[in-house]
Amino acid sequence: MIVLTRLNGQPFVLNADLIRTIEQTPDTTISLTTGERIVVSESLREVVDRAIDYARVIRQPAFASG
């Protein structure tokens, strides 16, 4: 999950696994696998970086206790 901001300033949480495409024309528009489109105030690069960070965190192996 990544935290983003709608153009009206409202923060929201997006499941990054649902991102299909991201465009910046000039506003950043995220197209989801559900067909929904969301416009956010973050730049394309910020959204990509957050999605990559999210993927790294969820794909880390769990620490083994012992």
N, C-alpha and C. Protein backbone atom coordinates (compact mmCIF):
# COMPACT_ATOMS: atom_id res chain seq x y z
N MET A 1 0.84 -1.17 0.00
CA MET A 1 0.00 0.00 0.00
C MET A 1 0.89 1.23 0.00
N ILE A 2 0.50 2.23 -0.80
CA ILE A 2 1.27 3.47 -0.85
C ILE A 2 0.34 4.64 -0.56
N VAL A 3 0.86 5.65 0.11
CA VAL A 3 0.08 6.84 0.43
C VAL A 3 0.30 7.87 -0.67
N LEU A 4 -0.81 8.36 -1.23
CA LEU A 4 -0.78 9.38 -2.28
C LEU A 4 -1.74 10.50 -1.91
N THR A 5 -1.75 11.56 -2.72
CA THR A 5 -2.59 12.72 -2.43
C THR A 5 -3.44 13.07 -3.65
N ARG A 6 -4.74 13.18 -3.43
CA ARG A 6 -5.63 13.61 -4.52
C ARG A 6 -5.36 15.10 -4.79
N LEU A 7 -5.82 15.61 -5.92
CA LEU A 7 -5.58 17.00 -6.27
C LEU A 7 -6.22 17.97 -5.27
N ASN A 8 -7.26 17.53 -4.55
CA ASN A 8 -7.90 18.40 -3.56
C ASN A 8 -7.16 18.39 -2.22
N GLY A 9 -6.01 17.69 -2.16
CA GLY A 9 -5.21 17.66 -0.94
C GLY A 9 -5.50 16.51 0.00
N GLN A 10 -6.49 15.69 -0.32
CA GLN A 10 -6.86 14.56 0.53
C GLN A 10 -5.91 13.39 0.33
N PRO A 11 -5.24 12.94 1.39
CA PRO A 11 -4.40 11.75 1.26
C PRO A 11 -5.26 10.49 1.20
N PHE A 12 -4.76 9.47 0.52
CA PHE A 12 -5.44 8.18 0.47
C PHE A 12 -4.40 7.10 0.29
N VAL A 13 -4.79 5.87 0.51
CA VAL A 13 -3.89 4.74 0.39
C VAL A 13 -4.32 3.91 -0.81
N LEU A 14 -3.35 3.57 -1.65
CA LEU A 14 -3.61 2.81 -2.87
C LEU A 14 -2.86 1.48 -2.82
N ASN A 15 -3.52 0.42 -3.19
CA ASN A 15 -2.87 -0.87 -3.32
C ASN A 15 -2.03 -0.82 -4.60
N ALA A 16 -0.71 -0.73 -4.43
CA ALA A 16 0.19 -0.57 -5.58
C ALA A 16 0.13 -1.74 -6.55
N ASP A 17 -0.33 -2.89 -6.10
CA ASP A 17 -0.46 -4.05 -6.99
C ASP A 17 -1.53 -3.84 -8.05
N LEU A 18 -2.40 -2.86 -7.87
CA LEU A 18 -3.46 -2.59 -8.83
C LEU A 18 -3.06 -1.63 -9.93
N ILE A 19 -1.85 -1.06 -9.85
CA ILE A 19 -1.42 -0.08 -10.84
C ILE A 19 -1.12 -0.77 -12.17
N ARG A 20 -1.76 -0.26 -13.21
CA ARG A 20 -1.52 -0.78 -14.56
C ARG A 20 -0.57 0.15 -15.30
N THR A 21 -0.91 1.45 -15.34
CA THR A 21 -0.05 2.45 -15.98
C THR A 21 -0.07 3.74 -15.17
N ILE A 22 0.99 4.55 -15.37
CA ILE A 22 1.07 5.88 -14.77
C ILE A 22 1.48 6.84 -15.88
N GLU A 23 0.74 7.95 -16.01
CA GLU A 23 1.04 8.94 -17.03
C GLU A 23 1.14 10.31 -16.38
N GLN A 24 1.95 11.20 -16.97
CA GLN A 24 2.03 12.57 -16.49
C GLN A 24 1.76 13.49 -17.66
N THR A 25 0.52 14.06 -17.70
CA THR A 25 0.09 14.83 -18.89
C THR A 25 -0.75 16.05 -18.54
N PRO A 26 -0.45 17.09 -17.88
CA PRO A 26 0.67 17.26 -16.97
C PRO A 26 0.40 16.67 -15.59
N ASP A 27 -0.89 16.49 -15.23
CA ASP A 27 -1.18 15.85 -13.93
C ASP A 27 -0.85 14.37 -14.00
N THR A 28 -0.47 13.81 -12.89
CA THR A 28 -0.15 12.38 -12.83
C THR A 28 -1.45 11.59 -12.74
N THR A 29 -1.68 10.73 -13.71
CA THR A 29 -2.89 9.92 -13.76
C THR A 29 -2.48 8.45 -13.66
N ILE A 30 -3.10 7.75 -12.70
CA ILE A 30 -2.83 6.34 -12.48
C ILE A 30 -4.02 5.54 -12.99
N SER A 31 -3.75 4.60 -13.90
CA SER A 31 -4.79 3.69 -14.37
C SER A 31 -4.63 2.37 -13.62
N LEU A 32 -5.73 1.88 -13.10
CA LEU A 32 -5.70 0.65 -12.31
C LEU A 32 -6.18 -0.54 -13.14
N THR A 33 -5.86 -1.72 -12.68
CA THR A 33 -6.30 -2.94 -13.35
C THR A 33 -7.82 -3.06 -13.33
N THR A 34 -8.48 -2.33 -12.43
CA THR A 34 -9.94 -2.35 -12.32
C THR A 34 -10.62 -1.46 -13.36
N GLY A 35 -9.80 -0.66 -14.10
CA GLY A 35 -10.36 0.28 -15.06
C GLY A 35 -10.50 1.68 -14.51
N GLU A 36 -10.38 1.84 -13.20
CA GLU A 36 -10.48 3.16 -12.56
C GLU A 36 -9.24 3.98 -12.89
N ARG A 37 -9.43 5.30 -12.99
CA ARG A 37 -8.31 6.24 -13.19
C ARG A 37 -8.31 7.22 -12.04
N ILE A 38 -7.14 7.48 -11.48
CA ILE A 38 -7.00 8.37 -10.34
C ILE A 38 -5.96 9.42 -10.67
N VAL A 39 -6.27 10.70 -10.41
CA VAL A 39 -5.33 11.79 -10.63
C VAL A 39 -4.77 12.18 -9.27
N VAL A 40 -3.44 12.28 -9.18
CA VAL A 40 -2.77 12.57 -7.91
C VAL A 40 -1.84 13.77 -8.07
N SER A 41 -1.46 14.36 -6.93
CA SER A 41 -0.58 15.52 -6.97
C SER A 41 0.90 15.15 -7.05
N GLU A 42 1.24 13.90 -6.71
CA GLU A 42 2.64 13.46 -6.79
C GLU A 42 3.07 13.35 -8.24
N SER A 43 4.38 13.48 -8.46
CA SER A 43 4.93 13.32 -9.81
C SER A 43 4.93 11.84 -10.18
N LEU A 44 5.08 11.59 -11.47
CA LEU A 44 5.18 10.22 -11.95
C LEU A 44 6.33 9.50 -11.23
N ARG A 45 7.48 10.15 -11.12
CA ARG A 45 8.65 9.55 -10.48
C ARG A 45 8.37 9.21 -9.02
N GLU A 46 7.66 10.09 -8.28
CA GLU A 46 7.34 9.81 -6.89
C GLU A 46 6.46 8.57 -6.76
N VAL A 47 5.46 8.45 -7.62
CA VAL A 47 4.57 7.28 -7.58
C VAL A 47 5.35 6.01 -7.88
N VAL A 48 6.19 6.06 -8.90
CA VAL A 48 7.00 4.89 -9.26
C VAL A 48 7.91 4.50 -8.10
N ASP A 49 8.60 5.50 -7.51
CA ASP A 49 9.50 5.21 -6.39
C ASP A 49 8.76 4.57 -5.21
N ARG A 50 7.57 5.08 -4.89
CA ARG A 50 6.79 4.52 -3.79
C ARG A 50 6.34 3.10 -4.10
N ALA A 51 5.95 2.85 -5.34
CA ALA A 51 5.52 1.51 -5.73
C ALA A 51 6.69 0.53 -5.65
N ILE A 52 7.87 0.98 -6.06
CA ILE A 52 9.06 0.12 -5.98
C ILE A 52 9.41 -0.17 -4.53
N ASP A 53 9.38 0.85 -3.69
CA ASP A 53 9.67 0.66 -2.26
C ASP A 53 8.69 -0.33 -1.64
N TYR A 54 7.41 -0.18 -1.99
CA TYR A 54 6.38 -1.09 -1.49
C TYR A 54 6.67 -2.53 -1.91
N ALA A 55 7.03 -2.71 -3.18
CA ALA A 55 7.32 -4.06 -3.69
C ALA A 55 8.51 -4.67 -2.97
N ARG A 56 9.52 -3.87 -2.70
CA ARG A 56 10.70 -4.37 -1.99
C ARG A 56 10.33 -4.84 -0.58
N VAL A 57 9.49 -4.07 0.09
CA VAL A 57 9.12 -4.41 1.47
C VAL A 57 8.31 -5.69 1.52
N ILE A 58 7.32 -5.84 0.64
CA ILE A 58 6.47 -7.03 0.73
C ILE A 58 7.14 -8.30 0.21
N ARG A 59 8.20 -8.12 -0.56
CA ARG A 59 8.89 -9.29 -1.10
C ARG A 59 10.13 -9.70 -0.29
N GLN A 60 10.38 -8.99 0.81
CA GLN A 60 11.49 -9.36 1.68
C GLN A 60 11.16 -10.67 2.41
N PRO A 61 12.14 -11.55 2.52
CA PRO A 61 11.88 -12.76 3.28
C PRO A 61 11.71 -12.42 4.77
N ALA A 62 10.85 -13.16 5.40
CA ALA A 62 10.64 -12.96 6.84
C ALA A 62 11.90 -13.35 7.59
N PHE A 63 12.17 -12.63 8.66
CA PHE A 63 13.33 -12.97 9.49
C PHE A 63 13.05 -14.26 10.24
N ALA A 64 13.99 -15.16 10.21
CA ALA A 64 13.84 -16.44 10.93
C ALA A 64 14.28 -16.23 12.37
N SER A 65 13.49 -16.70 13.29
CA SER A 65 13.88 -16.61 14.69
C SER A 65 14.63 -17.88 15.07
N GLY A 66 15.54 -17.72 15.98
CA GLY A 66 16.20 -18.94 16.37
C GLY A 66 17.54 -18.72 16.83
